[in-house]
C-alpha atoms as a PDB file:
ATOM      1  CA  MET A   1     -47.209  79.011 239.631  1.00  0.00           C
ATOM      2  CA  GLU A   2     -45.564  76.600 242.587  1.00  0.00           C
ATOM      3  CA  THR A   3     -48.500  74.409 242.529  1.00  0.00           C
ATOM      4  CA  ALA A   4     -48.472  74.089 239.046  1.00  0.00           C
ATOM      5  CA  TYR A   5     -44.988  72.821 239.716  1.00  0.00           C
ATOM      6  CA  THR A   6     -45.501  70.668 242.079  1.00  0.00           C
ATOM      7  CA  ILE A   7     -48.338  68.698 240.379  1.00  0.00           C
ATOM      8  CA  ALA A   8     -46.221  68.646 237.468  1.00  0.00           C
ATOM      9  CA  ASN A   9     -43.740  66.665 239.235  1.00  0.00           C
ATOM     10  CA  ARG A  10     -45.830  64.717 240.774  1.00  0.00           C
ATOM     11  CA  ILE A  11     -46.705  63.382 237.187  1.00  0.00           C
ATOM     12  CA  ASN A  12     -43.753  63.185 235.780  1.00  0.00           C
ATOM     13  CA  SER A  13     -42.572  60.946 238.696  1.00  0.00           C
ATOM     14  CA  PHE A  14     -45.622  58.856 238.442  1.00  0.00           C
ATOM     15  CA  PHE A  15     -44.429  58.198 235.107  1.00  0.00           C
ATOM     16  CA  GLN A  16     -40.879  57.637 235.995  1.00  0.00           C
ATOM     17  CA  ASN A  17     -41.629  54.719 238.811  1.00  0.00           C
ATOM     18  CA  LEU A  18     -43.594  53.256 235.957  1.00  0.00           C
ATOM     19  CA  ASP A  19     -40.451  52.839 234.249  1.00  0.00           C
ATOM     20  CA  GLU A  20     -38.139  51.502 237.061  1.00  0.00           C
ATOM     21  CA  GLY A  21     -41.053  49.070 237.921  1.00  0.00           C
ATOM     22  CA  GLN A  22     -41.637  51.111 240.996  1.00  0.00           C
ATOM     23  CA  TRP A  23     -44.757  50.466 241.520  1.00  0.00           C
ATOM     24  CA  LYS A  24     -45.622  50.689 245.324  1.00  0.00           C
ATOM     25  CA  THR A  25     -44.186  53.896 245.046  1.00  0.00           C
ATOM     26  CA  ALA A  26     -46.712  54.787 241.691  1.00  0.00           C
ATOM     27  CA  GLN A  27     -49.559  53.165 243.367  1.00  0.00           C
ATOM     28  CA  GLU A  28     -49.581  55.979 245.954  1.00  0.00           C
ATOM     29  CA  SER A  29     -49.580  58.631 243.494  1.00  0.00           C
ATOM     30  CA  LEU A  30     -53.188  57.428 243.152  1.00  0.00           C
ATOM     31  CA  PHE A  31     -56.125  58.308 244.400  1.00  0.00           C
ATOM     32  CA  ASP A  32     -58.661  55.909 245.928  1.00  0.00           C
ATOM     33  CA  PRO A  33     -60.817  55.447 243.605  1.00  0.00           C
ATOM     34  CA  VAL A  34     -59.118  56.616 240.418  1.00  0.00           C
ATOM     35  CA  TYR A  35     -60.752  56.718 237.404  1.00  0.00           C
ATOM     36  CA  LEU A  36     -58.596  54.761 234.621  1.00  0.00           C
ATOM     37  CA  GLU A  37     -59.220  54.589 230.661  1.00  0.00           C
ATOM     38  CA  ASP A  38     -56.460  53.579 228.859  1.00  0.00           C
ATOM     39  CA  ALA A  39     -56.964  49.855 226.670  1.00  0.00           C
ATOM     40  CA  LEU A  40     -53.940  49.064 226.271  1.00  0.00           C
ATOM     41  CA  CYS A  41     -53.006  48.194 230.106  1.00  0.00           C
ATOM     42  CA  GLY A  42     -56.376  46.516 229.989  1.00  0.00           C
ATOM     43  CA  ALA A  43     -58.540  49.179 231.235  1.00  0.00           C
ATOM     44  CA  GLU A  44     -61.694  48.473 229.231  1.00  0.00           C
ATOM     45  CA  PRO A  45     -64.098  49.152 230.077  1.00  0.00           C
ATOM     46  CA  ALA A  46     -62.829  52.569 231.612  1.00  0.00           C
ATOM     47  CA  GLY A  47     -64.244  53.470 235.298  1.00  0.00           C
ATOM     48  CA  GLN A  48     -63.683  54.004 238.622  1.00  0.00           C
ATOM     49  CA  THR A  49     -60.915  51.049 240.472  1.00  0.00           C
ATOM     50  CA  SER A  50     -59.209  50.734 243.519  1.00  0.00           C
ATOM     51  CA  PRO A  51     -55.699  51.696 242.837  1.00  0.00           C
ATOM     52  CA  GLN A  52     -54.159  48.620 243.650  1.00  0.00           C
ATOM     53  CA  LEU A  53     -56.378  46.987 240.437  1.00  0.00           C
ATOM     54  CA  ALA A  54     -55.141  50.165 238.595  1.00  0.00           C
ATOM     55  CA  MET A  55     -51.703  49.185 239.478  1.00  0.00           C
ATOM     56  CA  ASP A  56     -52.052  45.597 238.457  1.00  0.00           C
ATOM     57  CA  ARG A  57     -53.056  46.169 235.295  1.00  0.00           C
ATOM     58  CA  MET A  58     -50.637  48.804 234.199  1.00  0.00           C
ATOM     59  CA  LYS A  59     -47.800  46.738 235.678  1.00  0.00           C
ATOM     60  CA  ALA A  60     -49.370  43.255 234.132  1.00  0.00           C
ATOM     61  CA  PHE A  61     -49.217  45.634 230.669  1.00  0.00           C
ATOM     62  CA  LEU A  62     -45.682  46.898 231.328  1.00  0.00           C
ATOM     63  CA  THR A  63     -44.538  43.808 232.585  1.00  0.00           C
ATOM     64  CA  ARG A  64     -44.507  42.280 229.195  1.00  0.00           C
ATOM     65  CA  PHE A  65     -41.642  44.603 227.893  1.00  0.00           C
ATOM     66  CA  ASP A  66     -37.866  44.696 228.796  1.00  0.00           C
ATOM     67  CA  ALA A  67     -37.886  48.089 229.112  1.00  0.00           C
ATOM     68  CA  SER A  68     -40.448  51.325 228.455  1.00  0.00           C
ATOM     69  CA  LEU A  69     -40.008  55.076 228.841  1.00  0.00           C
ATOM     70  CA  HIS A  70     -43.101  57.325 229.067  1.00  0.00           C
ATOM     71  CA  TYR A  71     -41.926  60.859 227.404  1.00  0.00           C
ATOM     72  CA  ILE A  72     -44.268  63.627 228.504  1.00  0.00           C
ATOM     73  CA  SER A  73     -44.357  66.946 226.984  1.00  0.00           C
ATOM     74  CA  ASN A  74     -46.451  69.935 227.557  1.00  0.00           C
ATOM     75  CA  ILE A  75     -47.827  69.525 230.560  1.00  0.00           C
ATOM     76  CA  ILE A  76     -50.718  72.437 230.837  1.00  0.00           C
ATOM     77  CA  VAL A  77     -52.456  72.348 234.827  1.00  0.00           C
ATOM     78  CA  GLU A  78     -55.325  74.037 235.923  1.00  0.00           C
ATOM     79  CA  SER A  79     -55.600  74.169 239.330  1.00  0.00           C
ATOM     80  CA  GLN A  80     -57.928  75.625 241.651  1.00  0.00           C
ATOM     81  CA  GLU A  81     -57.774  74.633 246.033  1.00  0.00           C
ATOM     82  CA  GLN A  82     -57.612  71.415 246.135  1.00  0.00           C
ATOM     83  CA  LYS A  83     -58.266  69.444 242.455  1.00  0.00           C
ATOM     84  CA  ALA A  84     -56.402  69.969 239.198  1.00  0.00           C
ATOM     85  CA  CYS A  85     -56.653  69.182 236.159  1.00  0.00           C
ATOM     86  CA  ALA A  86     -53.520  68.212 233.631  1.00  0.00           C
ATOM     87  CA  ARG A  87     -53.268  67.785 229.899  1.00  0.00           C
ATOM     88  CA  LEU A  88     -50.125  66.220 227.800  1.00  0.00           C
ATOM     89  CA  TYR A  89     -48.574  64.967 225.250  1.00  0.00           C
ATOM     90  CA  SER A  90     -46.940  61.270 225.591  1.00  0.00           C
ATOM     91  CA  THR A  91     -44.784  59.172 223.344  1.00  0.00           C
ATOM     92  CA  ARG A  92     -45.042  55.594 225.274  1.00  0.00           C
ATOM     93  CA  THR A  93     -41.811  53.236 223.747  1.00  0.00           C
ATOM     94  CA  TYR A  94     -41.936  49.838 224.880  1.00  0.00           C
ATOM     95  CA  HIS A  95     -38.755  47.560 223.639  1.00  0.00           C
ATOM     96  CA  LYS A  96     -38.951  43.663 223.777  1.00  0.00           C
ATOM     97  CA  THR A  97     -34.995  42.074 222.841  1.00  0.00           C
ATOM     98  CA  GLY A  98     -36.314  38.347 223.540  1.00  0.00           C
ATOM     99  CA  ALA A  99     -39.343  38.871 220.787  1.00  0.00           C
ATOM    100  CA  SER A 100     -40.309  37.237 217.416  1.00  0.00           C
ATOM    101  CA  PRO A 101     -39.092  39.792 216.240  1.00  0.00           C
ATOM    102  CA  PRO A 102     -37.373  41.902 218.517  1.00  0.00           C
ATOM    103  CA  GLY A 103     -38.183  45.440 218.037  1.00  0.00           C
ATOM    104  CA  PHE A 104     -40.050  48.474 219.457  1.00  0.00           C
ATOM    105  CA  LEU A 105     -43.180  50.177 219.533  1.00  0.00           C
ATOM    106  CA  LYS A 106     -44.010  54.096 219.901  1.00  0.00           C
ATOM    107  CA  ILE A 107     -47.152  54.713 220.726  1.00  0.00           C
ATOM    108  CA  TYR A 108     -48.273  58.567 220.763  1.00  0.00           C
ATOM    109  CA  GLY A 109     -51.008  60.241 222.326  1.00  0.00           C
ATOM    110  CA  ILE A 110     -52.260  62.466 224.960  1.00  0.00           C
ATOM    111  CA  TYR A 111     -53.487  61.987 228.321  1.00  0.00           C
ATOM    112  CA  GLU A 112     -56.128  64.026 230.428  1.00  0.00           C
ATOM    113  CA  MET A 113     -55.469  63.628 233.958  1.00  0.00           C
ATOM    114  CA  SER A 114     -57.369  65.177 237.588  1.00  0.00           C
ATOM    115  CA  LEU A 115     -55.546  65.189 240.756  1.00  0.00           C
ATOM    116  CA  VAL A 116     -56.565  66.013 244.056  1.00  0.00           C
ATOM    117  CA  ASN A 117     -54.980  67.440 246.552  1.00  0.00           C
ATOM    118  CA  SER A 118     -55.135  64.398 249.819  1.00  0.00           C
ATOM    119  CA  GLY A 119     -53.616  65.180 253.131  1.00  0.00           C
ATOM    120  CA  GLY A 120     -51.004  67.406 251.065  1.00  0.00           C
ATOM    121  CA  GLN A 121     -50.322  65.251 248.546  1.00  0.00           C
ATOM    122  CA  TRP A 122     -51.423  65.465 245.491  1.00  0.00           C
ATOM    123  CA  GLN A 123     -52.817  62.530 243.934  1.00  0.00           C
ATOM    124  CA  ILE A 124     -53.576  61.441 240.794  1.00  0.00           C
ATOM    125  CA  ASP A 125     -58.124  60.632 240.607  1.00  0.00           C
ATOM    126  CA  PHE A 126     -58.252  60.371 236.563  1.00  0.00           C
ATOM    127  CA  LEU A 127     -56.271  58.913 234.368  1.00  0.00           C
ATOM    128  CA  LYS A 128     -57.232  58.796 230.625  1.00  0.00           C
ATOM    129  CA  PHE A 129     -54.584  57.907 227.402  1.00  0.00           C
ATOM    130  CA  SER A 130     -56.420  59.203 223.930  1.00  0.00           C
ATOM    131  CA  GLU A 131     -54.076  57.525 221.511  1.00  0.00           C
ATOM    132  CA  ARG A 132     -53.154  58.934 218.630  1.00  0.00           C
ATOM    133  CA  PHE A 133     -50.548  57.007 216.130  1.00  0.00           C
ATOM    134  CA  ARG A 134     -48.057  54.310 216.763  1.00  0.00           C
ATOM    135  CA  GLU A 135     -44.922  53.192 214.978  1.00  0.00           C
ATOM    136  CA  GLY A 136     -42.646  50.069 215.455  1.00  0.00           C
ATOM    137  CA  SER A 137     -44.209  46.874 215.912  1.00  0.00           C
ATOM    138  CA  SER A 138     -47.684  46.598 217.150  1.00  0.00           C
ATOM    139  CA  ALA A 139     -47.008  42.585 217.107  1.00  0.00           C
ATOM    140  CA  LEU A 140     -45.111  43.536 221.046  1.00  0.00           C
ATOM    141  CA  LEU A 141     -48.968  44.338 221.940  1.00  0.00           C
ATOM    142  CA  ASP A 142     -49.640  40.530 222.132  1.00  0.00           C
ATOM    143  CA  LEU A 143     -46.951  39.446 224.634  1.00  0.00           C
ATOM    144  CA  GLU A 144     -48.171  37.646 227.131  1.00  0.00           C
ATOM    145  CA  PRO A 145     -46.012  39.040 230.656  1.00  0.00           C
ATOM    146  CA  ASP A 146     -43.124  37.097 231.853  1.00  0.00           C
ATOM    147  CA  ALA A 147     -43.509  34.771 234.911  1.00  0.00           C
ATOM    148  CA  GLU A 148     -42.181  36.370 237.706  1.00  0.00           C
END
């Protein structure tokens, strides 16, 4: 039970770091190599990549918005020794004030993840998002990232 709790905390922390723009800390949650499959953040075609490239793709996507929130629930964890699998529901909310029209976009879906215990830390080595449906302004997906 403690292992499942530790893994769920790691997953929660990963998404919280993404929403807070803590890119380096989020990247440290990724194993090398990491399999990434998420059409929204430029992970097409899906495949293995370095944690740096995976984070660059996620950052490029998320910096298009003024705010993001990855709400996750119903984390189901199965672990065996040094490997774990997790499945969770997610509502990804993105907000952009300066967009025309301003608005938000909510994307509902399911994450499938696997993690490995490397050096005493659980790291994500597989991350796949399957979109189910969305609401709000899909035009926000066409925004370019803001210049830093």
